[in-house]
Amino acid sequence: MDGAFVHKCMGYTVYILQSDRDGSFYIGHTARLDERLCRHNEGRSSFTKTKIPWKLIYHEVYGSRAEAMRRERGIKRMKSREYIERLIRASRV
């Protein structure tokens, strides 16, 4: 199967990671969540390399990169640990 076709079908994911080291959160978006999580935990992302290990605690899938980027910005604009924790709790219900 053509990789571009698979890429288009899978969509884009907005994700929230939590550092096991200090409990801080990282919010991002990607087309390949498993690969991106590995990059964070291998220290290949400058912002997250000092807080390894990271665990995936929340994600949402969108049909386009533009939608995912809007959602990521929306979550980041909240600048609220409480808001992020509410998202996580609501997803576990």
N, C-alpha and C. Protein backbone atom coordinates (compact mmCIF):
# COMPACT_ATOMS: atom_id res chain seq x y z
N MET A 1 0.85 -1.18 0.00
CA MET A 1 0.00 0.00 0.00
C MET A 1 0.89 1.24 0.00
N ASP A 2 0.53 2.23 -0.76
CA ASP A 2 1.27 3.48 -0.88
C ASP A 2 1.28 4.22 0.46
N GLY A 3 2.46 4.62 0.94
CA GLY A 3 2.58 5.32 2.21
C GLY A 3 1.82 6.63 2.26
N ALA A 4 1.76 7.34 1.11
CA ALA A 4 1.02 8.60 1.06
C ALA A 4 -0.47 8.35 1.27
N PHE A 5 -0.97 7.26 0.71
CA PHE A 5 -2.38 6.92 0.88
C PHE A 5 -2.68 6.62 2.35
N VAL A 6 -1.84 5.83 2.99
CA VAL A 6 -2.02 5.50 4.40
C VAL A 6 -1.97 6.78 5.23
N HIS A 7 -1.02 7.64 4.92
CA HIS A 7 -0.85 8.90 5.64
C HIS A 7 -2.13 9.73 5.57
N LYS A 8 -2.74 9.83 4.41
CA LYS A 8 -3.95 10.63 4.25
C LYS A 8 -5.13 10.03 5.00
N CYS A 9 -5.22 8.74 5.07
CA CYS A 9 -6.36 8.08 5.71
C CYS A 9 -6.29 8.16 7.24
N MET A 10 -5.11 8.24 7.76
CA MET A 10 -4.97 8.16 9.21
C MET A 10 -5.27 9.48 9.90
N GLY A 11 -5.17 10.61 9.23
CA GLY A 11 -5.46 11.89 9.85
C GLY A 11 -4.31 12.40 10.69
N TYR A 12 -4.62 13.42 11.46
CA TYR A 12 -3.64 14.08 12.31
C TYR A 12 -4.11 14.00 13.75
N THR A 13 -3.16 13.83 14.64
CA THR A 13 -3.47 13.65 16.05
C THR A 13 -2.93 14.81 16.87
N VAL A 14 -3.79 15.37 17.70
CA VAL A 14 -3.36 16.31 18.74
C VAL A 14 -3.13 15.45 19.97
N TYR A 15 -2.00 15.62 20.61
CA TYR A 15 -1.67 14.76 21.74
C TYR A 15 -1.15 15.56 22.91
N ILE A 16 -1.31 14.96 24.08
CA ILE A 16 -0.74 15.53 25.30
C ILE A 16 0.11 14.45 25.95
N LEU A 17 1.34 14.81 26.23
CA LEU A 17 2.26 13.93 26.93
C LEU A 17 2.46 14.46 28.34
N GLN A 18 2.79 13.55 29.24
CA GLN A 18 3.15 13.96 30.60
C GLN A 18 4.51 13.37 30.94
N SER A 19 5.35 14.20 31.52
CA SER A 19 6.69 13.78 31.90
C SER A 19 6.62 12.98 33.20
N ASP A 20 7.22 11.80 33.19
CA ASP A 20 7.33 11.02 34.43
C ASP A 20 8.32 11.68 35.39
N ARG A 21 9.19 12.50 34.86
CA ARG A 21 10.22 13.14 35.69
C ARG A 21 9.63 14.22 36.60
N ASP A 22 8.79 15.11 36.03
CA ASP A 22 8.29 16.22 36.85
C ASP A 22 6.79 16.49 36.71
N GLY A 23 6.09 15.67 35.94
CA GLY A 23 4.65 15.82 35.82
C GLY A 23 4.20 16.90 34.85
N SER A 24 5.14 17.57 34.19
CA SER A 24 4.76 18.63 33.26
C SER A 24 4.12 18.03 32.00
N PHE A 25 3.40 18.87 31.28
CA PHE A 25 2.70 18.46 30.07
C PHE A 25 3.38 19.02 28.83
N TYR A 26 3.24 18.30 27.73
CA TYR A 26 3.66 18.77 26.41
C TYR A 26 2.49 18.53 25.46
N ILE A 27 2.14 19.54 24.67
CA ILE A 27 1.03 19.44 23.73
C ILE A 27 1.59 19.59 22.33
N GLY A 28 1.18 18.70 21.43
CA GLY A 28 1.65 18.77 20.06
C GLY A 28 0.66 18.15 19.10
N HIS A 29 1.04 18.12 17.82
CA HIS A 29 0.23 17.43 16.82
C HIS A 29 1.16 16.72 15.85
N THR A 30 0.67 15.66 15.25
CA THR A 30 1.49 14.86 14.34
C THR A 30 0.59 13.99 13.47
N ALA A 31 1.16 13.51 12.37
CA ALA A 31 0.47 12.56 11.51
C ALA A 31 0.84 11.13 11.92
N ARG A 32 1.91 10.97 12.69
CA ARG A 32 2.40 9.64 13.07
C ARG A 32 2.70 9.62 14.57
N LEU A 33 1.69 9.33 15.34
CA LEU A 33 1.78 9.44 16.80
C LEU A 33 2.83 8.52 17.40
N ASP A 34 2.85 7.25 17.02
CA ASP A 34 3.82 6.32 17.60
C ASP A 34 5.26 6.78 17.35
N GLU A 35 5.51 7.19 16.12
CA GLU A 35 6.85 7.66 15.75
C GLU A 35 7.21 8.93 16.54
N ARG A 36 6.27 9.82 16.68
CA ARG A 36 6.53 11.08 17.39
C ARG A 36 6.82 10.83 18.87
N LEU A 37 6.06 9.93 19.49
CA LEU A 37 6.30 9.60 20.89
C LEU A 37 7.70 9.02 21.07
N CYS A 38 8.11 8.17 20.15
CA CYS A 38 9.47 7.62 20.21
C CYS A 38 10.51 8.72 20.12
N ARG A 39 10.30 9.68 19.22
CA ARG A 39 11.25 10.80 19.08
C ARG A 39 11.37 11.58 20.39
N HIS A 40 10.25 11.83 21.04
CA HIS A 40 10.29 12.54 22.32
C HIS A 40 11.09 11.74 23.34
N ASN A 41 10.85 10.45 23.43
CA ASN A 41 11.50 9.63 24.45
C ASN A 41 12.93 9.25 24.11
N GLU A 42 13.34 9.47 22.87
CA GLU A 42 14.74 9.25 22.48
C GLU A 42 15.56 10.53 22.62
N GLY A 43 14.93 11.61 23.06
CA GLY A 43 15.64 12.87 23.23
C GLY A 43 15.88 13.61 21.93
N ARG A 44 15.11 13.31 20.90
CA ARG A 44 15.30 13.93 19.59
C ARG A 44 14.43 15.16 19.40
N SER A 45 13.82 15.64 20.45
CA SER A 45 13.05 16.88 20.42
C SER A 45 13.66 17.80 21.47
N SER A 46 14.13 18.95 21.03
CA SER A 46 14.89 19.82 21.94
C SER A 46 14.08 20.26 23.17
N PHE A 47 12.80 20.53 23.00
CA PHE A 47 12.01 21.01 24.13
C PHE A 47 11.76 19.92 25.17
N THR A 48 11.62 18.68 24.74
CA THR A 48 11.23 17.62 25.67
C THR A 48 12.37 16.73 26.15
N LYS A 49 13.56 16.88 25.58
CA LYS A 49 14.63 15.92 25.90
C LYS A 49 15.08 15.94 27.36
N THR A 50 14.90 17.06 28.06
CA THR A 50 15.36 17.12 29.45
C THR A 50 14.36 16.52 30.44
N LYS A 51 13.17 16.13 29.94
CA LYS A 51 12.14 15.64 30.86
C LYS A 51 11.70 14.21 30.56
N ILE A 52 12.56 13.47 29.88
CA ILE A 52 12.30 12.07 29.55
C ILE A 52 12.18 11.27 30.83
N PRO A 53 11.34 10.29 30.95
CA PRO A 53 10.45 9.74 29.92
C PRO A 53 9.09 10.43 29.89
N TRP A 54 8.47 10.36 28.71
CA TRP A 54 7.13 10.92 28.48
C TRP A 54 6.15 9.79 28.27
N LYS A 55 4.92 10.00 28.71
CA LYS A 55 3.87 9.02 28.43
C LYS A 55 2.69 9.76 27.78
N LEU A 56 2.06 9.08 26.86
CA LEU A 56 0.89 9.63 26.18
C LEU A 56 -0.30 9.52 27.14
N ILE A 57 -0.95 10.66 27.40
CA ILE A 57 -2.07 10.63 28.33
C ILE A 57 -3.38 11.07 27.69
N TYR A 58 -3.30 11.65 26.47
CA TYR A 58 -4.52 12.13 25.82
C TYR A 58 -4.25 12.34 24.34
N HIS A 59 -5.26 12.06 23.51
CA HIS A 59 -5.13 12.37 22.09
C HIS A 59 -6.51 12.52 21.45
N GLU A 60 -6.54 13.29 20.37
CA GLU A 60 -7.73 13.50 19.55
C GLU A 60 -7.28 13.41 18.10
N VAL A 61 -8.11 12.81 17.23
CA VAL A 61 -7.76 12.65 15.83
C VAL A 61 -8.62 13.60 14.99
N TYR A 62 -7.96 14.25 14.02
CA TYR A 62 -8.62 15.19 13.11
C TYR A 62 -8.34 14.80 11.66
N GLY A 63 -9.22 15.22 10.78
CA GLY A 63 -9.11 14.86 9.37
C GLY A 63 -8.08 15.66 8.60
N SER A 64 -7.68 16.82 9.13
CA SER A 64 -6.70 17.64 8.42
C SER A 64 -5.68 18.22 9.40
N ARG A 65 -4.55 18.58 8.83
CA ARG A 65 -3.50 19.19 9.66
C ARG A 65 -3.98 20.54 10.19
N ALA A 66 -4.71 21.29 9.37
CA ALA A 66 -5.20 22.61 9.80
C ALA A 66 -6.10 22.48 11.03
N GLU A 67 -6.99 21.49 11.03
CA GLU A 67 -7.87 21.27 12.18
C GLU A 67 -7.06 20.92 13.42
N ALA A 68 -6.08 20.04 13.25
CA ALA A 68 -5.24 19.62 14.38
C ALA A 68 -4.45 20.80 14.93
N MET A 69 -3.92 21.63 14.05
CA MET A 69 -3.14 22.79 14.50
C MET A 69 -4.03 23.77 15.25
N ARG A 70 -5.26 23.97 14.77
CA ARG A 70 -6.19 24.86 15.48
C ARG A 70 -6.48 24.35 16.88
N ARG A 71 -6.72 23.03 16.99
CA ARG A 71 -7.02 22.45 18.30
C ARG A 71 -5.82 22.54 19.23
N GLU A 72 -4.63 22.25 18.71
CA GLU A 72 -3.42 22.35 19.52
C GLU A 72 -3.27 23.77 20.06
N ARG A 73 -3.42 24.76 19.20
CA ARG A 73 -3.33 26.16 19.63
C ARG A 73 -4.39 26.49 20.68
N GLY A 74 -5.60 25.95 20.47
CA GLY A 74 -6.68 26.20 21.43
C GLY A 74 -6.35 25.67 22.82
N ILE A 75 -5.81 24.47 22.88
CA ILE A 75 -5.43 23.89 24.17
C ILE A 75 -4.30 24.71 24.80
N LYS A 76 -3.31 25.07 24.00
CA LYS A 76 -2.18 25.84 24.52
C LYS A 76 -2.62 27.22 25.00
N ARG A 77 -3.59 27.82 24.31
CA ARG A 77 -4.07 29.15 24.71
C ARG A 77 -4.72 29.14 26.08
N MET A 78 -5.26 28.01 26.48
CA MET A 78 -5.89 27.92 27.79
C MET A 78 -4.87 28.11 28.91
N LYS A 79 -3.61 27.73 28.66
CA LYS A 79 -2.52 27.89 29.64
C LYS A 79 -2.95 27.44 31.04
N SER A 80 -3.62 26.31 31.08
CA SER A 80 -4.19 25.88 32.34
C SER A 80 -3.98 24.39 32.57
N ARG A 81 -3.28 24.06 33.62
CA ARG A 81 -3.10 22.66 34.00
C ARG A 81 -4.45 22.04 34.33
N GLU A 82 -5.31 22.83 34.97
CA GLU A 82 -6.66 22.36 35.32
C GLU A 82 -7.45 21.97 34.06
N TYR A 83 -7.38 22.78 33.02
CA TYR A 83 -8.08 22.49 31.77
C TYR A 83 -7.58 21.18 31.18
N ILE A 84 -6.27 21.00 31.14
CA ILE A 84 -5.69 19.77 30.60
C ILE A 84 -6.13 18.57 31.43
N GLU A 85 -6.11 18.69 32.74
CA GLU A 85 -6.53 17.58 33.60
C GLU A 85 -8.01 17.25 33.40
N ARG A 86 -8.84 18.26 33.14
CA ARG A 86 -10.27 18.00 32.85
C ARG A 86 -10.43 17.24 31.54
N LEU A 87 -9.66 17.61 30.52
CA LEU A 87 -9.68 16.88 29.25
C LEU A 87 -9.36 15.40 29.46
N ILE A 88 -8.33 15.17 30.24
CA ILE A 88 -7.87 13.80 30.49
C ILE A 88 -8.93 13.01 31.26
N ARG A 89 -9.49 13.61 32.30
CA ARG A 89 -10.54 12.93 33.08
C ARG A 89 -11.74 12.62 32.21
N ALA A 90 -12.16 13.58 31.40
CA ALA A 90 -13.35 13.40 30.55
C ALA A 90 -13.13 12.28 29.52
N SER A 91 -11.92 12.10 29.08
CA SER A 91 -11.64 11.06 28.07
C SER A 91 -11.64 9.66 28.67
N ARG A 92 -11.56 9.57 29.98
CA ARG A 92 -11.52 8.26 30.65
C ARG A 92 -12.91 7.80 31.08
N VAL A 93 -13.89 8.62 30.89
CA VAL A 93 -15.27 8.30 31.31
C VAL A 93 -15.89 7.32 30.36
